[in-house]
ModelCIF file with pLDDT and N, C-alpha, C, O atoms, coordinates in Angstrom:
data_MODEL
#
_entry.id   MODEL 
#
_entity.id                         1 
_entity.type                       polymer 
_entity.pdbx_number_of_molecules   1 
#
_entity_poly.entity_id                      1 
_entity_poly.type                           'polypeptide(L)' 
_entity_poly.nstd_linkage                   no 
_entity_poly.nstd_monomer                   no 
_entity_poly.pdbx_seq_one_letter_code       
;(UNK)(UNK)(UNK)(UNK)(UNK)(UNK)(UNK)(UNK)(UNK)(UNK)(UNK)(UNK)(UNK)(UNK)(UNK)(UNK)
(UNK)(UNK)(UNK)(UNK)(UNK)(UNK)(UNK)(UNK)(UNK)(UNK)(UNK)(UNK)(UNK)(UNK)(UNK)(UNK)
(UNK)(UNK)(UNK)(UNK)(UNK)(UNK)(UNK)(UNK)(UNK)(UNK)(UNK)(UNK)(UNK)
;
_entity_poly.pdbx_seq_one_letter_code_can   XXXXXXXXXXXXXXXXXXXXXXXXXXXXXXXXXXXXXXXXXXXXX 
_entity_poly.pdbx_strand_id                 A 
#
loop_
_entity_poly_seq.entity_id 
_entity_poly_seq.num 
_entity_poly_seq.mon_id 
_entity_poly_seq.hetero 
1 1  UNK n 
1 2  UNK n 
1 3  UNK n 
1 4  UNK n 
1 5  UNK n 
1 6  UNK n 
1 7  UNK n 
1 8  UNK n 
1 9  UNK n 
1 10 UNK n 
1 11 UNK n 
1 12 UNK n 
1 13 UNK n 
1 14 UNK n 
1 15 UNK n 
1 16 UNK n 
1 17 UNK n 
1 18 UNK n 
1 19 UNK n 
1 20 UNK n 
1 21 UNK n 
1 22 UNK n 
1 23 UNK n 
1 24 UNK n 
1 25 UNK n 
1 26 UNK n 
1 27 UNK n 
1 28 UNK n 
1 29 UNK n 
1 30 UNK n 
1 31 UNK n 
1 32 UNK n 
1 33 UNK n 
1 34 UNK n 
1 35 UNK n 
1 36 UNK n 
1 37 UNK n 
1 38 UNK n 
1 39 UNK n 
1 40 UNK n 
1 41 UNK n 
1 42 UNK n 
1 43 UNK n 
1 44 UNK n 
1 45 UNK n 
#
_struct_asym.id          A 
_struct_asym.entity_id   1 
#
loop_
_ma_qa_metric.id 
_ma_qa_metric.mode 
_ma_qa_metric.name 
_ma_qa_metric.software_group_id 
_ma_qa_metric.type 
1 global pLDDT . pLDDT 
2 local  pLDDT . pLDDT 
#
_ma_qa_metric_global.metric_id      1 
_ma_qa_metric_global.metric_value   80.51 
_ma_qa_metric_global.model_id       1 
_ma_qa_metric_global.ordinal_id     1 
#
loop_
_ma_qa_metric_local.label_asym_id 
_ma_qa_metric_local.label_comp_id 
_ma_qa_metric_local.label_seq_id 
_ma_qa_metric_local.metric_id 
_ma_qa_metric_local.metric_value 
_ma_qa_metric_local.model_id 
_ma_qa_metric_local.ordinal_id 
A UNK 1  2 75.00 1 1  
A UNK 2  2 73.00 1 2  
A UNK 3  2 75.00 1 3  
A UNK 4  2 72.00 1 4  
A UNK 5  2 74.00 1 5  
A UNK 6  2 81.00 1 6  
A UNK 7  2 80.00 1 7  
A UNK 8  2 82.00 1 8  
A UNK 9  2 84.00 1 9  
A UNK 10 2 87.00 1 10 
A UNK 11 2 85.00 1 11 
A UNK 12 2 85.00 1 12 
A UNK 13 2 87.00 1 13 
A UNK 14 2 87.00 1 14 
A UNK 15 2 87.00 1 15 
A UNK 16 2 87.00 1 16 
A UNK 17 2 87.00 1 17 
A UNK 18 2 86.00 1 18 
A UNK 19 2 88.00 1 19 
A UNK 20 2 89.00 1 20 
A UNK 21 2 88.00 1 21 
A UNK 22 2 87.00 1 22 
A UNK 23 2 89.00 1 23 
A UNK 24 2 90.00 1 24 
A UNK 25 2 89.00 1 25 
A UNK 26 2 89.00 1 26 
A UNK 27 2 90.00 1 27 
A UNK 28 2 87.00 1 28 
A UNK 29 2 85.00 1 29 
A UNK 30 2 86.00 1 30 
A UNK 31 2 82.00 1 31 
A UNK 32 2 78.00 1 32 
A UNK 33 2 78.00 1 33 
A UNK 34 2 75.00 1 34 
A UNK 35 2 76.00 1 35 
A UNK 36 2 74.00 1 36 
A UNK 37 2 74.00 1 37 
A UNK 38 2 72.00 1 38 
A UNK 39 2 73.00 1 39 
A UNK 40 2 74.00 1 40 
A UNK 41 2 75.00 1 41 
A UNK 42 2 68.00 1 42 
A UNK 43 2 65.00 1 43 
A UNK 44 2 66.00 1 44 
A UNK 45 2 62.00 1 45 
#
loop_
_atom_site.group_PDB 
_atom_site.id 
_atom_site.type_symbol 
_atom_site.label_atom_id 
_atom_site.label_alt_id 
_atom_site.label_comp_id 
_atom_site.label_asym_id 
_atom_site.label_entity_id 
_atom_site.label_seq_id 
_atom_site.pdbx_PDB_ins_code 
_atom_site.Cartn_x 
_atom_site.Cartn_y 
_atom_site.Cartn_z 
_atom_site.occupancy 
_atom_site.B_iso_or_equiv 
_atom_site.pdbx_formal_charge 
_atom_site.auth_seq_id 
_atom_site.auth_comp_id 
_atom_site.auth_asym_id 
_atom_site.auth_atom_id 
_atom_site.pdbx_PDB_model_num 
ATOM 1   N N  . UNK A 1 1  ? 0.812  -1.180  0.053  1.00 75.00 ? 1  UNK A N  1 
ATOM 2   C CA . UNK A 1 1  ? -0.083 0.029   -0.061 1.00 75.00 ? 1  UNK A CA 1 
ATOM 3   C C  . UNK A 1 1  ? 0.815  1.199   -0.011 1.00 75.00 ? 1  UNK A C  1 
ATOM 4   O O  . UNK A 1 1  ? 0.291  2.305   -0.141 1.00 75.00 ? 1  UNK A O  1 
ATOM 5   N N  . UNK A 1 2  ? 2.221  1.107   0.175  1.00 73.00 ? 2  UNK A N  1 
ATOM 6   C CA . UNK A 1 2  ? 3.031  2.305   0.241  1.00 73.00 ? 2  UNK A CA 1 
ATOM 7   C C  . UNK A 1 2  ? 2.597  3.274   1.165  1.00 73.00 ? 2  UNK A C  1 
ATOM 8   O O  . UNK A 1 2  ? 2.535  4.467   0.868  1.00 73.00 ? 2  UNK A O  1 
ATOM 9   N N  . UNK A 1 3  ? 2.279  2.800   2.327  1.00 75.00 ? 3  UNK A N  1 
ATOM 10  C CA . UNK A 1 3  ? 1.895  3.660   3.524  1.00 75.00 ? 3  UNK A CA 1 
ATOM 11  C C  . UNK A 1 3  ? 2.911  3.646   4.564  1.00 75.00 ? 3  UNK A C  1 
ATOM 12  O O  . UNK A 1 3  ? 2.968  2.722   5.375  1.00 75.00 ? 3  UNK A O  1 
ATOM 13  N N  . UNK A 1 4  ? 3.809  4.741   4.578  1.00 72.00 ? 4  UNK A N  1 
ATOM 14  C CA . UNK A 1 4  ? 4.872  4.721   5.558  1.00 72.00 ? 4  UNK A CA 1 
ATOM 15  C C  . UNK A 1 4  ? 4.515  4.518   7.081  1.00 72.00 ? 4  UNK A C  1 
ATOM 16  O O  . UNK A 1 4  ? 5.270  3.948   7.868  1.00 72.00 ? 4  UNK A O  1 
ATOM 17  N N  . UNK A 1 5  ? 3.229  5.068   7.429  1.00 74.00 ? 5  UNK A N  1 
ATOM 18  C CA . UNK A 1 5  ? 2.869  4.905   8.870  1.00 74.00 ? 5  UNK A CA 1 
ATOM 19  C C  . UNK A 1 5  ? 2.610  3.409   9.262  1.00 74.00 ? 5  UNK A C  1 
ATOM 20  O O  . UNK A 1 5  ? 2.475  3.082   10.441 1.00 74.00 ? 5  UNK A O  1 
ATOM 21  N N  . UNK A 1 6  ? 2.550  2.558   8.277  1.00 81.00 ? 6  UNK A N  1 
ATOM 22  C CA . UNK A 1 6  ? 2.304  1.228   8.586  1.00 81.00 ? 6  UNK A CA 1 
ATOM 23  C C  . UNK A 1 6  ? 3.462  0.539   9.334  1.00 81.00 ? 6  UNK A C  1 
ATOM 24  O O  . UNK A 1 6  ? 3.324  -0.531  9.926  1.00 81.00 ? 6  UNK A O  1 
ATOM 25  N N  . UNK A 1 7  ? 4.529  1.182   9.268  1.00 80.00 ? 7  UNK A N  1 
ATOM 26  C CA . UNK A 1 7  ? 5.780  0.740   10.018 1.00 80.00 ? 7  UNK A CA 1 
ATOM 27  C C  . UNK A 1 7  ? 5.303  0.549   11.677 1.00 80.00 ? 7  UNK A C  1 
ATOM 28  O O  . UNK A 1 7  ? 5.736  -0.385  12.352 1.00 80.00 ? 7  UNK A O  1 
ATOM 29  N N  . UNK A 1 8  ? 4.523  1.388   12.119 1.00 82.00 ? 8  UNK A N  1 
ATOM 30  C CA . UNK A 1 8  ? 4.091  1.387   13.447 1.00 82.00 ? 8  UNK A CA 1 
ATOM 31  C C  . UNK A 1 8  ? 3.159  0.142   13.676 1.00 82.00 ? 8  UNK A C  1 
ATOM 32  O O  . UNK A 1 8  ? 3.207  -0.493  14.729 1.00 82.00 ? 8  UNK A O  1 
ATOM 33  N N  . UNK A 1 9  ? 2.362  -0.160  12.708 1.00 84.00 ? 9  UNK A N  1 
ATOM 34  C CA . UNK A 1 9  ? 1.533  -1.276  12.814 1.00 84.00 ? 9  UNK A CA 1 
ATOM 35  C C  . UNK A 1 9  ? 2.266  -2.596  12.693 1.00 84.00 ? 9  UNK A C  1 
ATOM 36  O O  . UNK A 1 9  ? 1.871  -3.558  13.351 1.00 84.00 ? 9  UNK A O  1 
ATOM 37  N N  . UNK A 1 10 ? 3.402  -2.700  11.819 1.00 87.00 ? 10 UNK A N  1 
ATOM 38  C CA . UNK A 1 10 ? 4.222  -3.749  11.718 1.00 87.00 ? 10 UNK A CA 1 
ATOM 39  C C  . UNK A 1 10 ? 4.941  -4.037  13.111 1.00 87.00 ? 10 UNK A C  1 
ATOM 40  O O  . UNK A 1 10 ? 5.142  -5.209  13.430 1.00 87.00 ? 10 UNK A O  1 
ATOM 41  N N  . UNK A 1 11 ? 5.301  -3.081  13.877 1.00 85.00 ? 11 UNK A N  1 
ATOM 42  C CA . UNK A 1 11 ? 6.022  -3.299  15.149 1.00 85.00 ? 11 UNK A CA 1 
ATOM 43  C C  . UNK A 1 11 ? 4.871  -3.939  16.034 1.00 85.00 ? 11 UNK A C  1 
ATOM 44  O O  . UNK A 1 11 ? 5.127  -4.865  16.804 1.00 85.00 ? 11 UNK A O  1 
ATOM 45  N N  . UNK A 1 12 ? 3.737  -3.474  15.913 1.00 85.00 ? 12 UNK A N  1 
ATOM 46  C CA . UNK A 1 12 ? 2.703  -4.002  16.828 1.00 85.00 ? 12 UNK A CA 1 
ATOM 47  C C  . UNK A 1 12 ? 2.364  -5.469  16.537 1.00 85.00 ? 12 UNK A C  1 
ATOM 48  O O  . UNK A 1 12 ? 2.140  -6.296  17.421 1.00 85.00 ? 12 UNK A O  1 
ATOM 49  N N  . UNK A 1 13 ? 2.344  -5.736  15.127 1.00 87.00 ? 13 UNK A N  1 
ATOM 50  C CA . UNK A 1 13 ? 2.115  -7.295  14.749 1.00 87.00 ? 13 UNK A CA 1 
ATOM 51  C C  . UNK A 1 13 ? 3.301  -8.049  15.267 1.00 87.00 ? 13 UNK A C  1 
ATOM 52  O O  . UNK A 1 13 ? 3.117  -9.158  15.768 1.00 87.00 ? 13 UNK A O  1 
ATOM 53  N N  . UNK A 1 14 ? 4.408  -7.577  15.193 1.00 87.00 ? 14 UNK A N  1 
ATOM 54  C CA . UNK A 1 14 ? 5.646  -8.376  15.682 1.00 87.00 ? 14 UNK A CA 1 
ATOM 55  C C  . UNK A 1 14 ? 5.638  -8.654  17.150 1.00 87.00 ? 14 UNK A C  1 
ATOM 56  O O  . UNK A 1 14 ? 6.114  -9.694  17.604 1.00 87.00 ? 14 UNK A O  1 
ATOM 57  N N  . UNK A 1 15 ? 5.053  -7.649  17.952 1.00 87.00 ? 15 UNK A N  1 
ATOM 58  C CA . UNK A 1 15 ? 5.045  -7.830  19.389 1.00 87.00 ? 15 UNK A CA 1 
ATOM 59  C C  . UNK A 1 15 ? 3.855  -8.748  19.639 1.00 87.00 ? 15 UNK A C  1 
ATOM 60  O O  . UNK A 1 15 ? 3.872  -9.567  20.558 1.00 87.00 ? 15 UNK A O  1 
ATOM 61  N N  . UNK A 1 16 ? 2.815  -8.601  18.805 1.00 87.00 ? 16 UNK A N  1 
ATOM 62  C CA . UNK A 1 16 ? 1.655  -9.510  19.037 1.00 87.00 ? 16 UNK A CA 1 
ATOM 63  C C  . UNK A 1 16 ? 2.062  -11.009 18.787 1.00 87.00 ? 16 UNK A C  1 
ATOM 64  O O  . UNK A 1 16 ? 1.521  -11.921 19.412 1.00 87.00 ? 16 UNK A O  1 
ATOM 65  N N  . UNK A 1 17 ? 3.035  -11.220 17.850 1.00 87.00 ? 17 UNK A N  1 
ATOM 66  C CA . UNK A 1 17 ? 3.526  -12.566 17.552 1.00 87.00 ? 17 UNK A CA 1 
ATOM 67  C C  . UNK A 1 17 ? 4.253  -13.150 18.865 1.00 87.00 ? 17 UNK A C  1 
ATOM 68  O O  . UNK A 1 17 ? 4.042  -14.261 19.352 1.00 87.00 ? 17 UNK A O  1 
ATOM 69  N N  . UNK A 1 18 ? 5.132  -12.198 19.327 1.00 86.00 ? 18 UNK A N  1 
ATOM 70  C CA . UNK A 1 18 ? 5.941  -12.699 20.551 1.00 86.00 ? 18 UNK A CA 1 
ATOM 71  C C  . UNK A 1 18 ? 5.054  -12.870 21.669 1.00 86.00 ? 18 UNK A C  1 
ATOM 72  O O  . UNK A 1 18 ? 5.275  -13.850 22.380 1.00 86.00 ? 18 UNK A O  1 
ATOM 73  N N  . UNK A 1 19 ? 4.088  -12.110 21.971 1.00 88.00 ? 19 UNK A N  1 
ATOM 74  C CA . UNK A 1 19 ? 3.240  -12.192 23.130 1.00 88.00 ? 19 UNK A CA 1 
ATOM 75  C C  . UNK A 1 19 ? 2.410  -13.363 22.908 1.00 88.00 ? 19 UNK A C  1 
ATOM 76  O O  . UNK A 1 19 ? 2.207  -14.086 23.883 1.00 88.00 ? 19 UNK A O  1 
ATOM 77  N N  . UNK A 1 20 ? 1.901  -13.669 21.800 1.00 89.00 ? 20 UNK A N  1 
ATOM 78  C CA . UNK A 1 20 ? 1.066  -14.896 21.599 1.00 89.00 ? 20 UNK A CA 1 
ATOM 79  C C  . UNK A 1 20 ? 1.783  -16.244 21.784 1.00 89.00 ? 20 UNK A C  1 
ATOM 80  O O  . UNK A 1 20 ? 1.240  -17.222 22.298 1.00 89.00 ? 20 UNK A O  1 
ATOM 81  N N  . UNK A 1 21 ? 3.097  -16.220 21.307 1.00 88.00 ? 21 UNK A N  1 
ATOM 82  C CA . UNK A 1 21 ? 3.861  -17.363 21.621 1.00 88.00 ? 21 UNK A CA 1 
ATOM 83  C C  . UNK A 1 21 ? 4.230  -17.530 23.080 1.00 88.00 ? 21 UNK A C  1 
ATOM 84  O O  . UNK A 1 21 ? 4.300  -18.645 23.596 1.00 88.00 ? 21 UNK A O  1 
ATOM 85  N N  . UNK A 1 22 ? 4.474  -16.365 23.759 1.00 87.00 ? 22 UNK A N  1 
ATOM 86  C CA . UNK A 1 22 ? 4.834  -16.395 25.142 1.00 87.00 ? 22 UNK A CA 1 
ATOM 87  C C  . UNK A 1 22 ? 3.593  -16.931 26.017 1.00 87.00 ? 22 UNK A C  1 
ATOM 88  O O  . UNK A 1 22 ? 3.694  -17.769 26.913 1.00 87.00 ? 22 UNK A O  1 
ATOM 89  N N  . UNK A 1 23 ? 2.374  -16.287 25.590 1.00 89.00 ? 23 UNK A N  1 
ATOM 90  C CA . UNK A 1 23 ? 1.201  -16.568 26.341 1.00 89.00 ? 23 UNK A CA 1 
ATOM 91  C C  . UNK A 1 23 ? 0.795  -18.073 26.297 1.00 89.00 ? 23 UNK A C  1 
ATOM 92  O O  . UNK A 1 23 ? 0.355  -18.650 27.291 1.00 89.00 ? 23 UNK A O  1 
ATOM 93  N N  . UNK A 1 24 ? 0.975  -18.700 25.035 1.00 90.00 ? 24 UNK A N  1 
ATOM 94  C CA . UNK A 1 24 ? 0.459  -20.080 24.891 1.00 90.00 ? 24 UNK A CA 1 
ATOM 95  C C  . UNK A 1 24 ? 1.484  -20.975 25.456 1.00 90.00 ? 24 UNK A C  1 
ATOM 96  O O  . UNK A 1 24 ? 1.149  -22.099 25.831 1.00 90.00 ? 24 UNK A O  1 
ATOM 97  N N  . UNK A 1 25 ? 2.647  -20.592 25.545 1.00 89.00 ? 25 UNK A N  1 
ATOM 98  C CA . UNK A 1 25 ? 3.757  -21.354 26.246 1.00 89.00 ? 25 UNK A CA 1 
ATOM 99  C C  . UNK A 1 25 ? 3.525  -21.385 27.613 1.00 89.00 ? 25 UNK A C  1 
ATOM 100 O O  . UNK A 1 25 ? 3.585  -22.477 28.180 1.00 89.00 ? 25 UNK A O  1 
ATOM 101 N N  . UNK A 1 26 ? 3.249  -20.295 28.296 1.00 89.00 ? 26 UNK A N  1 
ATOM 102 C CA . UNK A 1 26 ? 2.865  -20.221 29.689 1.00 89.00 ? 26 UNK A CA 1 
ATOM 103 C C  . UNK A 1 26 ? 1.619  -21.061 29.948 1.00 89.00 ? 26 UNK A C  1 
ATOM 104 O O  . UNK A 1 26 ? 1.571  -21.807 30.925 1.00 89.00 ? 26 UNK A O  1 
ATOM 105 N N  . UNK A 1 27 ? 0.612  -20.949 29.085 1.00 90.00 ? 27 UNK A N  1 
ATOM 106 C CA . UNK A 1 27 ? -0.697 -21.685 29.280 1.00 90.00 ? 27 UNK A CA 1 
ATOM 107 C C  . UNK A 1 27 ? -0.328 -23.243 29.231 1.00 90.00 ? 27 UNK A C  1 
ATOM 108 O O  . UNK A 1 27 ? -0.821 -24.018 30.050 1.00 90.00 ? 27 UNK A O  1 
ATOM 109 N N  . UNK A 1 28 ? 0.512  -23.645 28.290 1.00 87.00 ? 28 UNK A N  1 
ATOM 110 C CA . UNK A 1 28 ? 0.785  -24.988 28.049 1.00 87.00 ? 28 UNK A CA 1 
ATOM 111 C C  . UNK A 1 28 ? 1.484  -25.594 29.222 1.00 87.00 ? 28 UNK A C  1 
ATOM 112 O O  . UNK A 1 28 ? 1.102  -26.677 29.666 1.00 87.00 ? 28 UNK A O  1 
ATOM 113 N N  . UNK A 1 29 ? 2.538  -24.914 29.772 1.00 85.00 ? 29 UNK A N  1 
ATOM 114 C CA . UNK A 1 29 ? 3.177  -25.426 30.966 1.00 85.00 ? 29 UNK A CA 1 
ATOM 115 C C  . UNK A 1 29 ? 2.356  -25.407 32.104 1.00 85.00 ? 29 UNK A C  1 
ATOM 116 O O  . UNK A 1 29 ? 2.427  -26.371 32.866 1.00 85.00 ? 29 UNK A O  1 
ATOM 117 N N  . UNK A 1 30 ? 1.489  -24.365 32.390 1.00 86.00 ? 30 UNK A N  1 
ATOM 118 C CA . UNK A 1 30 ? 0.617  -24.268 33.434 1.00 86.00 ? 30 UNK A CA 1 
ATOM 119 C C  . UNK A 1 30 ? -0.420 -25.389 33.471 1.00 86.00 ? 30 UNK A C  1 
ATOM 120 O O  . UNK A 1 30 ? -0.653 -25.987 34.521 1.00 86.00 ? 30 UNK A O  1 
ATOM 121 N N  . UNK A 1 31 ? -1.031 -25.667 32.347 1.00 82.00 ? 31 UNK A N  1 
ATOM 122 C CA . UNK A 1 31 ? -2.057 -26.753 32.394 1.00 82.00 ? 31 UNK A CA 1 
ATOM 123 C C  . UNK A 1 31 ? -1.588 -28.071 32.465 1.00 82.00 ? 31 UNK A C  1 
ATOM 124 O O  . UNK A 1 31 ? -2.391 -29.003 32.479 1.00 82.00 ? 31 UNK A O  1 
ATOM 125 N N  . UNK A 1 32 ? -0.300 -28.266 32.515 1.00 78.00 ? 32 UNK A N  1 
ATOM 126 C CA . UNK A 1 32 ? 0.245  -29.657 32.847 1.00 78.00 ? 32 UNK A CA 1 
ATOM 127 C C  . UNK A 1 32 ? 0.050  -29.940 34.381 1.00 78.00 ? 32 UNK A C  1 
ATOM 128 O O  . UNK A 1 32 ? -0.093 -31.093 34.789 1.00 78.00 ? 32 UNK A O  1 
ATOM 129 N N  . UNK A 1 33 ? 0.048  -28.965 35.127 1.00 78.00 ? 33 UNK A N  1 
ATOM 130 C CA . UNK A 1 33 ? -0.104 -29.069 36.520 1.00 78.00 ? 33 UNK A CA 1 
ATOM 131 C C  . UNK A 1 33 ? -1.432 -29.901 36.897 1.00 78.00 ? 33 UNK A C  1 
ATOM 132 O O  . UNK A 1 33 ? -1.366 -30.838 37.692 1.00 78.00 ? 33 UNK A O  1 
ATOM 133 N N  . UNK A 1 34 ? -2.557 -29.540 36.330 1.00 75.00 ? 34 UNK A N  1 
ATOM 134 C CA . UNK A 1 34 ? -3.775 -30.343 36.652 1.00 75.00 ? 34 UNK A CA 1 
ATOM 135 C C  . UNK A 1 34 ? -3.654 -31.716 36.115 1.00 75.00 ? 34 UNK A C  1 
ATOM 136 O O  . UNK A 1 34 ? -4.209 -32.627 36.729 1.00 75.00 ? 34 UNK A O  1 
ATOM 137 N N  . UNK A 1 35 ? -2.956 -31.974 34.980 1.00 76.00 ? 35 UNK A N  1 
ATOM 138 C CA . UNK A 1 35 ? -2.764 -33.303 34.423 1.00 76.00 ? 35 UNK A CA 1 
ATOM 139 C C  . UNK A 1 35 ? -2.021 -34.176 35.398 1.00 76.00 ? 35 UNK A C  1 
ATOM 140 O O  . UNK A 1 35 ? -2.317 -35.363 35.537 1.00 76.00 ? 35 UNK A O  1 
ATOM 141 N N  . UNK A 1 36 ? -1.065 -33.595 36.069 1.00 74.00 ? 36 UNK A N  1 
ATOM 142 C CA . UNK A 1 36 ? -0.192 -34.287 37.069 1.00 74.00 ? 36 UNK A CA 1 
ATOM 143 C C  . UNK A 1 36 ? -1.115 -34.729 38.125 1.00 74.00 ? 36 UNK A C  1 
ATOM 144 O O  . UNK A 1 36 ? -1.041 -35.892 38.520 1.00 74.00 ? 36 UNK A O  1 
ATOM 145 N N  . UNK A 1 37 ? -2.065 -33.831 38.671 1.00 74.00 ? 37 UNK A N  1 
ATOM 146 C CA . UNK A 1 37 ? -2.922 -34.132 39.716 1.00 74.00 ? 37 UNK A CA 1 
ATOM 147 C C  . UNK A 1 37 ? -3.982 -35.240 39.312 1.00 74.00 ? 37 UNK A C  1 
ATOM 148 O O  . UNK A 1 37 ? -4.555 -35.932 40.154 1.00 74.00 ? 37 UNK A O  1 
ATOM 149 N N  . UNK A 1 38 ? -4.175 -35.338 38.039 1.00 72.00 ? 38 UNK A N  1 
ATOM 150 C CA . UNK A 1 38 ? -5.205 -36.283 37.539 1.00 72.00 ? 38 UNK A CA 1 
ATOM 151 C C  . UNK A 1 38 ? -4.522 -37.702 37.347 1.00 72.00 ? 38 UNK A C  1 
ATOM 152 O O  . UNK A 1 38 ? -5.023 -38.717 37.833 1.00 72.00 ? 38 UNK A O  1 
ATOM 153 N N  . UNK A 1 39 ? -3.355 -37.712 36.614 1.00 73.00 ? 39 UNK A N  1 
ATOM 154 C CA . UNK A 1 39 ? -2.891 -39.108 36.075 1.00 73.00 ? 39 UNK A CA 1 
ATOM 155 C C  . UNK A 1 39 ? -1.917 -39.687 37.174 1.00 73.00 ? 39 UNK A C  1 
ATOM 156 O O  . UNK A 1 39 ? -1.941 -40.906 37.347 1.00 73.00 ? 39 UNK A O  1 
ATOM 157 N N  . UNK A 1 40 ? -1.119 -38.964 37.879 1.00 74.00 ? 40 UNK A N  1 
ATOM 158 C CA . UNK A 1 40 ? -0.135 -39.624 38.822 1.00 74.00 ? 40 UNK A CA 1 
ATOM 159 C C  . UNK A 1 40 ? -0.817 -40.320 39.985 1.00 74.00 ? 40 UNK A C  1 
ATOM 160 O O  . UNK A 1 40 ? -0.427 -41.434 40.337 1.00 74.00 ? 40 UNK A O  1 
ATOM 161 N N  . UNK A 1 41 ? -1.850 -39.685 40.613 1.00 75.00 ? 41 UNK A N  1 
ATOM 162 C CA . UNK A 1 41 ? -2.472 -40.482 41.655 1.00 75.00 ? 41 UNK A CA 1 
ATOM 163 C C  . UNK A 1 41 ? -3.157 -41.779 41.105 1.00 75.00 ? 41 UNK A C  1 
ATOM 164 O O  . UNK A 1 41 ? -3.146 -42.825 41.754 1.00 75.00 ? 41 UNK A O  1 
ATOM 165 N N  . UNK A 1 42 ? -3.733 -41.665 39.919 1.00 68.00 ? 42 UNK A N  1 
ATOM 166 C CA . UNK A 1 42 ? -4.371 -42.805 39.372 1.00 68.00 ? 42 UNK A CA 1 
ATOM 167 C C  . UNK A 1 42 ? -3.455 -43.895 39.045 1.00 68.00 ? 42 UNK A C  1 
ATOM 168 O O  . UNK A 1 42 ? -3.844 -45.061 39.115 1.00 68.00 ? 42 UNK A O  1 
ATOM 169 N N  . UNK A 1 43 ? -2.178 -43.576 38.668 1.00 65.00 ? 43 UNK A N  1 
ATOM 170 C CA . UNK A 1 43 ? -1.238 -44.723 38.518 1.00 65.00 ? 43 UNK A CA 1 
ATOM 171 C C  . UNK A 1 43 ? -0.612 -45.302 39.745 1.00 65.00 ? 43 UNK A C  1 
ATOM 172 O O  . UNK A 1 43 ? -0.343 -46.502 39.787 1.00 65.00 ? 43 UNK A O  1 
ATOM 173 N N  . UNK A 1 44 ? -0.370 -44.497 40.746 1.00 66.00 ? 44 UNK A N  1 
ATOM 174 C CA . UNK A 1 44 ? 0.487  -44.939 41.811 1.00 66.00 ? 44 UNK A CA 1 
ATOM 175 C C  . UNK A 1 44 ? -0.266 -45.103 43.104 1.00 66.00 ? 44 UNK A C  1 
ATOM 176 O O  . UNK A 1 44 ? 0.287  -45.663 44.051 1.00 66.00 ? 44 UNK A O  1 
ATOM 177 N N  . UNK A 1 45 ? -1.486 -44.651 43.196 1.00 62.00 ? 45 UNK A N  1 
ATOM 178 C CA . UNK A 1 45 ? -2.192 -44.616 44.511 1.00 62.00 ? 45 UNK A CA 1 
ATOM 179 C C  . UNK A 1 45 ? -2.494 -46.101 45.020 1.00 62.00 ? 45 UNK A C  1 
ATOM 180 O O  . UNK A 1 45 ? -3.074 -46.280 46.091 1.00 62.00 ? 45 UNK A O  1 
#
């Protein structure tokens, strides 16, 4: 589009990419905690 102001939006998209990756990594590691409480007692109780 040859719009120089889009550089600001590009930076926001780049930050959104990093934040999304970090957020879902945090969620993935955190939700493993509940799985441990479910499966480990079932196996070894």
